[in-house]
Amino acid sequence: MTRPILYSFRRCPYAMRARLAIAAAGIECELREIVLRDKAPEFLQASPKGTVPVVVTNQVIEESHDVMLWALGQNDPEAWLDMPQAGYALLDEVIGPFKTALDRYKYQNRHGSDIAQERAKASVFLMGLDEQLGTKAYLFGQSPSMADMGILPFVRQFANTDRIWFDAQPWPNVIRWLDAFLVSSRFTAIMAKYPKWKNGDPVTVFPA
């Protein structure tokens, strides 16, 4: 059987959440690591928009949300899709207003933005997550959902921009949730380093 091809970039939060879902579903893919400043022509031929992740199977799936649904729709052993509609609303928010504020905060020089203002905008979302978490391990209970795994890579990116500032904020439940994710075998398993892929390289199977 021909494996699906997964074009990915290790540090991209969109690609991270796609890899998390594929790993949870146990779907073997041929992983092709992309360098964003020097994109493989085969990647651009498959997806001219040139952003990761992209899955090439009997169709081309170009959005991380759709990759997660594709993987979990085939096999969802941890019941990530068993979440209320509010989970999908949070997933929309994290790649909408939160990601916009995150980009303008992290890449201030590129956008000419006000760091304090953009952090404040993003913080509204994080305070909501903190309240949602409460004493629970995850957003909707004691087991992970697609919402958790679709949001955590972006919270990680935000936190890493200034971890000292992040840890000083009044969102202890978010900090606990993020830290548990970062030390998990789940996260470690999707963060292995791979060289830039080029045509003719040996196949890299993911998950390993």
N, C-alpha and C. Protein backbone atom coordinates (compact mmCIF):
# COMPACT_ATOMS: atom_id res chain seq x y z
N MET A 1 0.84 -1.20 0.00
CA MET A 1 0.00 0.00 0.00
C MET A 1 0.88 1.25 0.00
N THR A 2 0.55 2.21 -0.81
CA THR A 2 1.31 3.45 -0.87
C THR A 2 0.97 4.33 0.33
N ARG A 3 2.00 4.76 1.03
CA ARG A 3 1.77 5.64 2.18
C ARG A 3 1.41 7.04 1.71
N PRO A 4 0.55 7.74 2.46
CA PRO A 4 0.34 9.16 2.20
C PRO A 4 1.67 9.91 2.38
N ILE A 5 1.84 10.97 1.66
CA ILE A 5 3.01 11.84 1.82
C ILE A 5 2.62 13.00 2.72
N LEU A 6 3.47 13.27 3.71
CA LEU A 6 3.26 14.40 4.62
C LEU A 6 4.41 15.38 4.46
N TYR A 7 4.11 16.54 3.90
CA TYR A 7 5.08 17.64 3.86
C TYR A 7 4.95 18.42 5.15
N SER A 8 6.07 18.60 5.84
CA SER A 8 6.02 19.19 7.17
C SER A 8 7.24 20.08 7.40
N PHE A 9 7.18 20.87 8.46
CA PHE A 9 8.31 21.68 8.92
C PHE A 9 8.28 21.60 10.44
N ARG A 10 9.35 21.14 11.03
CA ARG A 10 9.37 20.74 12.44
C ARG A 10 8.80 21.80 13.37
N ARG A 11 9.18 23.06 13.22
CA ARG A 11 8.83 24.08 14.20
C ARG A 11 7.50 24.78 13.94
N CYS A 12 6.87 24.51 12.83
CA CYS A 12 5.62 25.19 12.49
C CYS A 12 4.47 24.64 13.34
N PRO A 13 3.74 25.49 14.07
CA PRO A 13 2.65 24.98 14.91
C PRO A 13 1.53 24.31 14.13
N TYR A 14 1.28 24.79 12.91
CA TYR A 14 0.27 24.14 12.07
C TYR A 14 0.70 22.70 11.75
N ALA A 15 1.98 22.54 11.38
CA ALA A 15 2.51 21.22 11.07
C ALA A 15 2.55 20.34 12.32
N MET A 16 2.85 20.94 13.47
CA MET A 16 2.89 20.17 14.72
C MET A 16 1.54 19.54 15.00
N ARG A 17 0.49 20.31 14.87
CA ARG A 17 -0.81 19.74 15.23
C ARG A 17 -1.25 18.69 14.22
N ALA A 18 -0.85 18.84 12.98
CA ALA A 18 -1.12 17.78 12.01
C ALA A 18 -0.38 16.50 12.38
N ARG A 19 0.90 16.63 12.76
CA ARG A 19 1.67 15.45 13.15
C ARG A 19 1.09 14.80 14.41
N LEU A 20 0.62 15.62 15.35
CA LEU A 20 -0.01 15.07 16.55
C LEU A 20 -1.21 14.20 16.21
N ALA A 21 -2.05 14.66 15.32
CA ALA A 21 -3.25 13.90 14.95
C ALA A 21 -2.89 12.65 14.16
N ILE A 22 -1.94 12.76 13.25
CA ILE A 22 -1.52 11.60 12.46
C ILE A 22 -0.91 10.54 13.37
N ALA A 23 -0.10 10.98 14.33
CA ALA A 23 0.50 10.03 15.27
C ALA A 23 -0.57 9.38 16.14
N ALA A 24 -1.52 10.17 16.61
CA ALA A 24 -2.60 9.62 17.45
C ALA A 24 -3.43 8.60 16.66
N ALA A 25 -3.63 8.88 15.38
CA ALA A 25 -4.41 7.97 14.54
C ALA A 25 -3.60 6.75 14.11
N GLY A 26 -2.28 6.82 14.25
CA GLY A 26 -1.43 5.70 13.86
C GLY A 26 -1.37 5.49 12.36
N ILE A 27 -1.47 6.57 11.60
CA ILE A 27 -1.42 6.47 10.14
C ILE A 27 0.03 6.65 9.69
N GLU A 28 0.60 5.64 9.05
CA GLU A 28 1.97 5.74 8.56
C GLU A 28 2.03 6.64 7.33
N CYS A 29 2.89 7.65 7.40
CA CYS A 29 3.09 8.56 6.28
C CYS A 29 4.55 8.57 5.86
N GLU A 30 4.79 9.01 4.65
CA GLU A 30 6.15 9.31 4.21
C GLU A 30 6.39 10.78 4.51
N LEU A 31 7.21 11.06 5.51
CA LEU A 31 7.45 12.43 5.92
C LEU A 31 8.52 13.08 5.05
N ARG A 32 8.23 14.27 4.57
CA ARG A 32 9.18 15.05 3.79
C ARG A 32 9.34 16.40 4.47
N GLU A 33 10.50 16.61 5.08
CA GLU A 33 10.77 17.85 5.81
C GLU A 33 11.09 18.97 4.82
N ILE A 34 10.37 20.05 4.96
CA ILE A 34 10.50 21.19 4.04
C ILE A 34 11.26 22.32 4.74
N VAL A 35 12.16 22.95 4.01
CA VAL A 35 12.80 24.18 4.47
C VAL A 35 12.08 25.34 3.80
N LEU A 36 11.49 26.21 4.60
CA LEU A 36 10.57 27.21 4.04
C LEU A 36 11.26 28.22 3.13
N ARG A 37 12.56 28.45 3.34
CA ARG A 37 13.27 29.40 2.48
C ARG A 37 13.78 28.75 1.19
N ASP A 38 13.64 27.43 1.09
CA ASP A 38 14.13 26.70 -0.09
C ASP A 38 13.23 25.49 -0.31
N LYS A 39 12.03 25.76 -0.79
CA LYS A 39 11.00 24.73 -0.86
C LYS A 39 11.22 23.79 -2.05
N ALA A 40 11.07 22.51 -1.77
CA ALA A 40 11.24 21.50 -2.82
C ALA A 40 10.21 21.71 -3.92
N PRO A 41 10.62 21.58 -5.19
CA PRO A 41 9.67 21.79 -6.29
C PRO A 41 8.51 20.81 -6.26
N GLU A 42 8.75 19.60 -5.77
CA GLU A 42 7.66 18.61 -5.69
C GLU A 42 6.58 19.07 -4.70
N PHE A 43 7.02 19.73 -3.64
CA PHE A 43 6.09 20.29 -2.66
C PHE A 43 5.24 21.38 -3.29
N LEU A 44 5.87 22.28 -4.00
CA LEU A 44 5.13 23.39 -4.62
C LEU A 44 4.23 22.91 -5.75
N GLN A 45 4.62 21.83 -6.39
CA GLN A 45 3.76 21.26 -7.43
C GLN A 45 2.50 20.68 -6.80
N ALA A 46 2.67 20.04 -5.66
CA ALA A 46 1.51 19.45 -4.97
C ALA A 46 0.61 20.53 -4.39
N SER A 47 1.24 21.60 -3.87
CA SER A 47 0.48 22.65 -3.19
C SER A 47 1.13 24.00 -3.47
N PRO A 48 0.71 24.68 -4.53
CA PRO A 48 1.35 25.94 -4.91
C PRO A 48 1.31 27.02 -3.84
N LYS A 49 0.41 26.92 -2.86
CA LYS A 49 0.39 27.94 -1.81
C LYS A 49 1.65 27.90 -0.96
N GLY A 50 2.32 26.75 -0.91
CA GLY A 50 3.64 26.67 -0.32
C GLY A 50 3.71 26.76 1.19
N THR A 51 2.63 26.38 1.89
CA THR A 51 2.67 26.36 3.35
C THR A 51 2.39 24.95 3.84
N VAL A 52 2.99 24.62 4.97
CA VAL A 52 2.80 23.29 5.56
C VAL A 52 1.74 23.37 6.66
N PRO A 53 1.13 22.22 6.98
CA PRO A 53 1.35 20.90 6.42
C PRO A 53 0.56 20.67 5.14
N VAL A 54 1.02 19.69 4.38
CA VAL A 54 0.26 19.21 3.22
C VAL A 54 0.33 17.70 3.24
N VAL A 55 -0.81 17.06 3.07
CA VAL A 55 -0.87 15.62 2.90
C VAL A 55 -1.29 15.32 1.47
N VAL A 56 -0.53 14.43 0.82
CA VAL A 56 -0.86 13.99 -0.52
C VAL A 56 -1.21 12.51 -0.45
N THR A 57 -2.45 12.22 -0.74
CA THR A 57 -2.92 10.84 -0.75
C THR A 57 -3.76 10.70 -2.02
N ASN A 58 -4.98 10.18 -1.94
CA ASN A 58 -5.84 10.21 -3.12
C ASN A 58 -6.43 11.60 -3.35
N GLN A 59 -6.08 12.52 -2.47
CA GLN A 59 -6.43 13.93 -2.58
C GLN A 59 -5.28 14.74 -1.97
N VAL A 60 -5.29 16.04 -2.17
CA VAL A 60 -4.31 16.92 -1.54
C VAL A 60 -5.02 17.69 -0.43
N ILE A 61 -4.51 17.55 0.79
CA ILE A 61 -5.11 18.21 1.95
C ILE A 61 -4.14 19.28 2.41
N GLU A 62 -4.58 20.53 2.37
CA GLU A 62 -3.65 21.65 2.51
C GLU A 62 -3.80 22.46 3.80
N GLU A 63 -4.77 22.15 4.62
CA GLU A 63 -4.97 22.91 5.85
C GLU A 63 -4.81 21.99 7.05
N SER A 64 -4.15 22.49 8.10
CA SER A 64 -3.87 21.64 9.26
C SER A 64 -5.15 21.12 9.92
N HIS A 65 -6.17 21.95 10.00
CA HIS A 65 -7.44 21.52 10.58
C HIS A 65 -8.00 20.34 9.79
N ASP A 66 -7.93 20.43 8.48
CA ASP A 66 -8.44 19.36 7.62
C ASP A 66 -7.58 18.11 7.72
N VAL A 67 -6.28 18.27 7.89
CA VAL A 67 -5.39 17.12 8.07
C VAL A 67 -5.77 16.38 9.36
N MET A 68 -6.01 17.15 10.43
CA MET A 68 -6.40 16.53 11.70
C MET A 68 -7.70 15.74 11.53
N LEU A 69 -8.69 16.33 10.88
CA LEU A 69 -9.97 15.65 10.67
C LEU A 69 -9.82 14.43 9.77
N TRP A 70 -8.97 14.54 8.76
CA TRP A 70 -8.70 13.40 7.86
C TRP A 70 -8.12 12.23 8.65
N ALA A 71 -7.11 12.51 9.49
CA ALA A 71 -6.46 11.45 10.25
C ALA A 71 -7.41 10.84 11.28
N LEU A 72 -8.04 11.70 12.07
CA LEU A 72 -8.91 11.22 13.14
C LEU A 72 -10.19 10.59 12.60
N GLY A 73 -10.59 11.01 11.41
CA GLY A 73 -11.76 10.38 10.79
C GLY A 73 -11.51 8.94 10.41
N GLN A 74 -10.25 8.57 10.21
CA GLN A 74 -9.90 7.18 9.89
C GLN A 74 -9.72 6.33 11.14
N ASN A 75 -9.15 6.96 12.18
CA ASN A 75 -8.88 6.21 13.41
C ASN A 75 -8.72 7.21 14.54
N ASP A 76 -9.53 7.07 15.55
CA ASP A 76 -9.52 8.02 16.67
C ASP A 76 -9.53 7.25 17.99
N PRO A 77 -8.43 6.53 18.28
CA PRO A 77 -8.44 5.63 19.45
C PRO A 77 -8.56 6.35 20.78
N GLU A 78 -8.18 7.62 20.82
CA GLU A 78 -8.28 8.38 22.08
C GLU A 78 -9.52 9.26 22.13
N ALA A 79 -10.38 9.14 21.13
CA ALA A 79 -11.64 9.90 21.07
C ALA A 79 -11.41 11.40 21.11
N TRP A 80 -10.44 11.88 20.33
CA TRP A 80 -10.19 13.33 20.26
C TRP A 80 -11.39 14.09 19.70
N LEU A 81 -12.14 13.44 18.82
CA LEU A 81 -13.29 14.11 18.20
C LEU A 81 -14.51 14.13 19.11
N ASP A 82 -14.42 13.46 20.23
CA ASP A 82 -15.54 13.42 21.18
C ASP A 82 -15.47 14.66 22.07
N MET A 83 -15.82 15.79 21.49
CA MET A 83 -15.79 17.06 22.21
C MET A 83 -16.99 17.90 21.79
N PRO A 84 -17.40 18.84 22.63
CA PRO A 84 -18.55 19.67 22.27
C PRO A 84 -18.21 20.65 21.14
N GLN A 85 -19.24 21.26 20.60
CA GLN A 85 -19.04 22.23 19.52
C GLN A 85 -18.15 23.38 19.96
N ALA A 86 -18.12 23.66 21.25
CA ALA A 86 -17.24 24.73 21.77
C ALA A 86 -15.78 24.47 21.45
N GLY A 87 -15.41 23.20 21.31
CA GLY A 87 -14.03 22.88 20.94
C GLY A 87 -13.68 23.39 19.56
N TYR A 88 -14.62 23.26 18.64
CA TYR A 88 -14.37 23.75 17.28
C TYR A 88 -14.32 25.28 17.25
N ALA A 89 -15.12 25.91 18.10
CA ALA A 89 -15.06 27.38 18.19
C ALA A 89 -13.70 27.84 18.69
N LEU A 90 -13.13 27.12 19.66
CA LEU A 90 -11.80 27.46 20.16
C LEU A 90 -10.74 27.25 19.08
N LEU A 91 -10.89 26.21 18.30
CA LEU A 91 -9.94 25.97 17.20
C LEU A 91 -10.00 27.08 16.16
N ASP A 92 -11.20 27.59 15.90
CA ASP A 92 -11.33 28.73 14.99
C ASP A 92 -10.67 29.98 15.57
N GLU A 93 -10.84 30.18 16.87
CA GLU A 93 -10.31 31.38 17.50
C GLU A 93 -8.79 31.36 17.55
N VAL A 94 -8.20 30.18 17.76
CA VAL A 94 -6.74 30.14 17.91
C VAL A 94 -6.04 30.47 16.59
N ILE A 95 -6.64 30.10 15.46
CA ILE A 95 -5.99 30.45 14.19
C ILE A 95 -6.54 31.73 13.59
N GLY A 96 -7.45 32.38 14.33
CA GLY A 96 -7.98 33.68 13.93
C GLY A 96 -7.38 34.79 14.77
N PRO A 97 -8.14 35.36 15.68
CA PRO A 97 -7.65 36.50 16.46
C PRO A 97 -6.39 36.20 17.27
N PHE A 98 -6.29 35.00 17.87
CA PHE A 98 -5.11 34.71 18.67
C PHE A 98 -3.85 34.65 17.81
N LYS A 99 -3.90 33.94 16.70
CA LYS A 99 -2.70 33.81 15.84
C LYS A 99 -2.32 35.15 15.24
N THR A 100 -3.30 35.98 14.92
CA THR A 100 -2.99 37.32 14.40
C THR A 100 -2.21 38.12 15.44
N ALA A 101 -2.69 38.12 16.68
CA ALA A 101 -2.00 38.84 17.75
C ALA A 101 -0.64 38.22 18.03
N LEU A 102 -0.56 36.89 18.01
CA LEU A 102 0.71 36.20 18.23
C LEU A 102 1.75 36.61 17.19
N ASP A 103 1.37 36.62 15.94
CA ASP A 103 2.32 36.99 14.88
C ASP A 103 2.79 38.44 15.04
N ARG A 104 1.89 39.31 15.39
CA ARG A 104 2.23 40.73 15.53
C ARG A 104 3.05 40.98 16.80
N TYR A 105 2.95 40.09 17.76
CA TYR A 105 3.76 40.14 18.97
C TYR A 105 5.15 39.54 18.72
N LYS A 106 5.19 38.35 18.15
CA LYS A 106 6.45 37.64 17.94
C LYS A 106 7.31 38.30 16.87
N TYR A 107 6.66 38.82 15.83
CA TYR A 107 7.40 39.42 14.71
C TYR A 107 7.12 40.92 14.65
N GLN A 108 7.34 41.59 15.77
CA GLN A 108 7.04 43.02 15.90
C GLN A 108 7.78 43.85 14.86
N ASN A 109 9.03 43.50 14.58
CA ASN A 109 9.80 44.28 13.61
C ASN A 109 9.21 44.19 12.21
N ARG A 110 8.66 43.04 11.90
CA ARG A 110 8.07 42.84 10.58
C ARG A 110 6.77 43.62 10.42
N HIS A 111 5.99 43.69 11.52
CA HIS A 111 4.66 44.29 11.45
C HIS A 111 4.62 45.74 11.93
N GLY A 112 5.67 46.18 12.62
CA GLY A 112 5.64 47.51 13.22
C GLY A 112 4.56 47.65 14.25
N SER A 113 4.31 46.58 15.01
CA SER A 113 3.19 46.54 15.95
C SER A 113 3.64 46.90 17.36
N ASP A 114 2.67 47.12 18.22
CA ASP A 114 2.91 47.43 19.62
C ASP A 114 2.86 46.12 20.42
N ILE A 115 4.00 45.73 20.99
CA ILE A 115 4.10 44.43 21.67
C ILE A 115 3.08 44.32 22.79
N ALA A 116 3.01 45.34 23.64
CA ALA A 116 2.11 45.28 24.79
C ALA A 116 0.65 45.14 24.33
N GLN A 117 0.31 45.85 23.29
CA GLN A 117 -1.06 45.80 22.77
C GLN A 117 -1.40 44.42 22.22
N GLU A 118 -0.47 43.83 21.47
CA GLU A 118 -0.73 42.52 20.87
C GLU A 118 -0.73 41.42 21.94
N ARG A 119 0.15 41.54 22.93
CA ARG A 119 0.12 40.56 24.03
C ARG A 119 -1.20 40.63 24.77
N ALA A 120 -1.70 41.84 24.95
CA ALA A 120 -2.98 42.00 25.65
C ALA A 120 -4.11 41.35 24.87
N LYS A 121 -4.09 41.49 23.55
CA LYS A 121 -5.13 40.86 22.73
C LYS A 121 -5.07 39.34 22.85
N ALA A 122 -3.87 38.78 22.76
CA ALA A 122 -3.71 37.33 22.87
C ALA A 122 -4.07 36.84 24.27
N SER A 123 -3.81 37.66 25.26
CA SER A 123 -4.05 37.26 26.64
C SER A 123 -5.53 37.04 26.94
N VAL A 124 -6.39 37.72 26.23
CA VAL A 124 -7.83 37.51 26.41
C VAL A 124 -8.19 36.05 26.13
N PHE A 125 -7.64 35.52 25.06
CA PHE A 125 -7.89 34.12 24.70
C PHE A 125 -7.31 33.18 25.76
N LEU A 126 -6.10 33.47 26.22
CA LEU A 126 -5.44 32.60 27.19
C LEU A 126 -6.16 32.62 28.54
N MET A 127 -6.67 33.76 28.93
CA MET A 127 -7.43 33.82 30.19
C MET A 127 -8.71 32.99 30.08
N GLY A 128 -9.31 32.99 28.89
CA GLY A 128 -10.48 32.15 28.68
C GLY A 128 -10.13 30.67 28.77
N LEU A 129 -8.98 30.30 28.21
CA LEU A 129 -8.53 28.91 28.31
C LEU A 129 -8.27 28.53 29.76
N ASP A 130 -7.68 29.45 30.52
CA ASP A 130 -7.38 29.17 31.92
C ASP A 130 -8.66 28.87 32.70
N GLU A 131 -9.69 29.65 32.44
CA GLU A 131 -10.98 29.43 33.09
C GLU A 131 -11.60 28.12 32.63
N GLN A 132 -11.49 27.84 31.33
CA GLN A 132 -12.03 26.60 30.78
C GLN A 132 -11.35 25.37 31.40
N LEU A 133 -10.05 25.44 31.58
CA LEU A 133 -9.30 24.32 32.14
C LEU A 133 -9.67 24.07 33.60
N GLY A 134 -9.72 25.12 34.40
CA GLY A 134 -9.98 24.94 35.83
C GLY A 134 -9.00 23.93 36.41
N THR A 135 -9.51 22.95 37.09
CA THR A 135 -8.65 21.92 37.67
C THR A 135 -8.53 20.69 36.77
N LYS A 136 -9.14 20.74 35.58
CA LYS A 136 -9.11 19.59 34.67
C LYS A 136 -7.74 19.47 34.00
N ALA A 137 -7.40 18.27 33.59
CA ALA A 137 -6.14 18.05 32.88
C ALA A 137 -6.19 18.64 31.47
N TYR A 138 -7.39 18.63 30.87
CA TYR A 138 -7.56 19.10 29.50
C TYR A 138 -8.81 19.98 29.42
N LEU A 139 -9.02 20.56 28.26
CA LEU A 139 -10.07 21.56 28.13
C LEU A 139 -11.46 21.04 28.42
N PHE A 140 -11.71 19.75 28.09
CA PHE A 140 -13.05 19.22 28.26
C PHE A 140 -13.09 17.99 29.17
N GLY A 141 -12.08 17.84 29.99
CA GLY A 141 -12.10 16.71 30.93
C GLY A 141 -10.71 16.21 31.24
N GLN A 142 -10.60 14.94 31.52
CA GLN A 142 -9.34 14.34 31.94
C GLN A 142 -8.60 13.64 30.80
N SER A 143 -9.09 13.75 29.60
CA SER A 143 -8.40 13.18 28.45
C SER A 143 -8.37 14.22 27.33
N PRO A 144 -7.37 14.14 26.45
CA PRO A 144 -7.19 15.17 25.43
C PRO A 144 -8.26 15.11 24.34
N SER A 145 -8.48 16.24 23.73
CA SER A 145 -9.39 16.34 22.59
C SER A 145 -8.63 16.98 21.43
N MET A 146 -9.26 17.02 20.29
CA MET A 146 -8.69 17.71 19.14
C MET A 146 -8.44 19.18 19.45
N ALA A 147 -9.28 19.77 20.28
CA ALA A 147 -9.10 21.18 20.65
C ALA A 147 -7.79 21.37 21.40
N ASP A 148 -7.53 20.51 22.39
CA ASP A 148 -6.27 20.62 23.13
C ASP A 148 -5.08 20.55 22.19
N MET A 149 -5.05 19.52 21.37
CA MET A 149 -3.87 19.27 20.55
C MET A 149 -3.78 20.21 19.35
N GLY A 150 -4.91 20.81 19.00
CA GLY A 150 -4.89 21.80 17.93
C GLY A 150 -4.51 23.20 18.41
N ILE A 151 -4.58 23.42 19.72
CA ILE A 151 -4.29 24.74 20.29
C ILE A 151 -2.91 24.80 20.94
N LEU A 152 -2.50 23.72 21.58
CA LEU A 152 -1.25 23.74 22.35
C LEU A 152 -0.02 24.18 21.55
N PRO A 153 0.16 23.78 20.29
CA PRO A 153 1.35 24.24 19.57
C PRO A 153 1.42 25.77 19.42
N PHE A 154 0.26 26.42 19.34
CA PHE A 154 0.24 27.88 19.23
C PHE A 154 0.51 28.54 20.58
N VAL A 155 -0.01 27.93 21.65
CA VAL A 155 0.28 28.45 22.98
C VAL A 155 1.78 28.30 23.27
N ARG A 156 2.36 27.20 22.85
CA ARG A 156 3.81 27.01 22.99
C ARG A 156 4.58 28.11 22.27
N GLN A 157 4.18 28.43 21.06
CA GLN A 157 4.87 29.46 20.29
C GLN A 157 4.75 30.82 20.99
N PHE A 158 3.57 31.10 21.50
CA PHE A 158 3.37 32.36 22.22
C PHE A 158 4.24 32.40 23.48
N ALA A 159 4.22 31.33 24.26
CA ALA A 159 4.98 31.28 25.51
C ALA A 159 6.47 31.43 25.26
N ASN A 160 6.96 30.79 24.21
CA ASN A 160 8.40 30.81 23.94
C ASN A 160 8.90 32.17 23.49
N THR A 161 8.00 33.04 23.09
CA THR A 161 8.43 34.39 22.69
C THR A 161 9.03 35.13 23.87
N ASP A 162 8.47 34.94 25.06
CA ASP A 162 9.04 35.50 26.30
C ASP A 162 8.53 34.65 27.45
N ARG A 163 9.23 33.56 27.72
CA ARG A 163 8.73 32.60 28.71
C ARG A 163 8.73 33.19 30.12
N ILE A 164 9.65 34.06 30.43
CA ILE A 164 9.65 34.66 31.78
C ILE A 164 8.38 35.49 31.98
N TRP A 165 8.05 36.31 31.00
CA TRP A 165 6.81 37.09 31.08
C TRP A 165 5.59 36.17 31.14
N PHE A 166 5.56 35.16 30.28
CA PHE A 166 4.43 34.23 30.22
C PHE A 166 4.18 33.57 31.57
N ASP A 167 5.25 33.10 32.21
CA ASP A 167 5.11 32.40 33.49
C ASP A 167 4.70 33.31 34.64
N ALA A 168 4.85 34.61 34.45
CA ALA A 168 4.47 35.56 35.50
C ALA A 168 3.00 35.98 35.42
N GLN A 169 2.29 35.49 34.40
CA GLN A 169 0.90 35.91 34.19
C GLN A 169 -0.07 35.05 35.01
N PRO A 170 -1.26 35.58 35.29
CA PRO A 170 -2.23 34.87 36.13
C PRO A 170 -3.05 33.84 35.37
N TRP A 171 -2.35 32.90 34.75
CA TRP A 171 -3.03 31.79 34.10
C TRP A 171 -2.34 30.47 34.48
N PRO A 172 -2.40 30.10 35.77
CA PRO A 172 -1.69 28.90 36.24
C PRO A 172 -2.15 27.62 35.57
N ASN A 173 -3.42 27.56 35.21
CA ASN A 173 -3.93 26.34 34.59
C ASN A 173 -3.38 26.17 33.18
N VAL A 174 -3.23 27.26 32.46
CA VAL A 174 -2.64 27.22 31.12
C VAL A 174 -1.17 26.80 31.22
N ILE A 175 -0.45 27.35 32.18
CA ILE A 175 0.97 26.99 32.36
C ILE A 175 1.10 25.50 32.67
N ARG A 176 0.26 25.01 33.57
CA ARG A 176 0.28 23.58 33.93
C ARG A 176 -0.02 22.71 32.72
N TRP A 177 -1.03 23.09 31.97
CA TRP A 177 -1.46 22.36 30.75
C TRP A 177 -0.36 22.33 29.71
N LEU A 178 0.26 23.48 29.48
CA LEU A 178 1.34 23.57 28.49
C LEU A 178 2.55 22.77 28.94
N ASP A 179 2.95 22.91 30.19
CA ASP A 179 4.14 22.21 30.68
C ASP A 179 3.97 20.70 30.63
N ALA A 180 2.77 20.23 30.95
CA ALA A 180 2.52 18.79 30.87
C ALA A 180 2.66 18.29 29.44
N PHE A 181 2.19 19.09 28.50
CA PHE A 181 2.32 18.75 27.07
C PHE A 181 3.79 18.71 26.65
N LEU A 182 4.57 19.70 27.07
CA LEU A 182 5.95 19.82 26.63
C LEU A 182 6.84 18.68 27.13
N VAL A 183 6.51 18.08 28.26
CA VAL A 183 7.31 16.97 28.78
C VAL A 183 6.73 15.61 28.41
N SER A 184 5.66 15.60 27.64
CA SER A 184 4.99 14.34 27.30
C SER A 184 5.74 13.59 26.20
N SER A 185 5.60 12.28 26.23
CA SER A 185 6.18 11.47 25.16
C SER A 185 5.49 11.77 23.83
N ARG A 186 4.25 12.20 23.89
CA ARG A 186 3.50 12.58 22.68
C ARG A 186 4.20 13.72 21.94
N PHE A 187 4.60 14.75 22.71
CA PHE A 187 5.27 15.89 22.09
C PHE A 187 6.66 15.50 21.60
N THR A 188 7.41 14.78 22.42
CA THR A 188 8.75 14.35 22.04
C THR A 188 8.73 13.56 20.74
N ALA A 189 7.73 12.71 20.60
CA ALA A 189 7.65 11.82 19.43
C ALA A 189 7.44 12.57 18.13
N ILE A 190 6.83 13.75 18.17
CA ILE A 190 6.57 14.48 16.91
C ILE A 190 7.64 15.52 16.62
N MET A 191 8.64 15.66 17.52
CA MET A 191 9.63 16.72 17.38
C MET A 191 11.02 16.23 17.00
N ALA A 192 11.11 15.00 16.53
CA ALA A 192 12.40 14.50 16.03
C ALA A 192 12.87 15.40 14.89
N LYS A 193 14.19 15.57 14.79
CA LYS A 193 14.76 16.41 13.74
C LYS A 193 15.06 15.57 12.51
N TYR A 194 14.70 16.11 11.35
CA TYR A 194 14.96 15.44 10.08
C TYR A 194 15.65 16.42 9.14
N PRO A 195 16.53 15.91 8.28
CA PRO A 195 17.16 16.80 7.31
C PRO A 195 16.16 17.25 6.25
N LYS A 196 16.49 18.33 5.59
CA LYS A 196 15.67 18.80 4.48
C LYS A 196 15.51 17.68 3.43
N TRP A 197 14.27 17.45 3.01
CA TRP A 197 14.01 16.40 2.02
C TRP A 197 14.32 16.87 0.62
N LYS A 198 14.89 15.97 -0.18
CA LYS A 198 15.01 16.21 -1.62
C LYS A 198 14.70 14.92 -2.35
N ASN A 199 14.28 15.04 -3.57
CA ASN A 199 13.90 13.89 -4.37
C ASN A 199 15.05 12.89 -4.44
N GLY A 200 14.74 11.63 -4.21
CA GLY A 200 15.75 10.58 -4.23
C GLY A 200 16.24 10.17 -2.86
N ASP A 201 15.89 10.94 -1.81
CA ASP A 201 16.29 10.58 -0.45
C ASP A 201 15.58 9.31 0.00
N PRO A 202 16.17 8.58 0.94
CA PRO A 202 15.47 7.43 1.52
C PRO A 202 14.17 7.88 2.18
N VAL A 203 13.21 6.98 2.22
CA VAL A 203 11.90 7.30 2.80
C VAL A 203 12.04 7.42 4.32
N THR A 204 11.45 8.48 4.88
CA THR A 204 11.33 8.63 6.32
C THR A 204 9.89 8.32 6.70
N VAL A 205 9.69 7.31 7.52
CA VAL A 205 8.36 6.92 7.91
C VAL A 205 7.97 7.66 9.20
N PHE A 206 6.79 8.26 9.18
CA PHE A 206 6.25 8.94 10.36
C PHE A 206 4.85 8.40 10.62
N PRO A 207 4.49 8.11 11.89
CA PRO A 207 5.35 8.15 13.06
C PRO A 207 6.41 7.05 13.01
N ALA A 208 7.55 7.34 13.65
CA ALA A 208 8.68 6.42 13.60
C ALA A 208 8.31 5.12 14.31
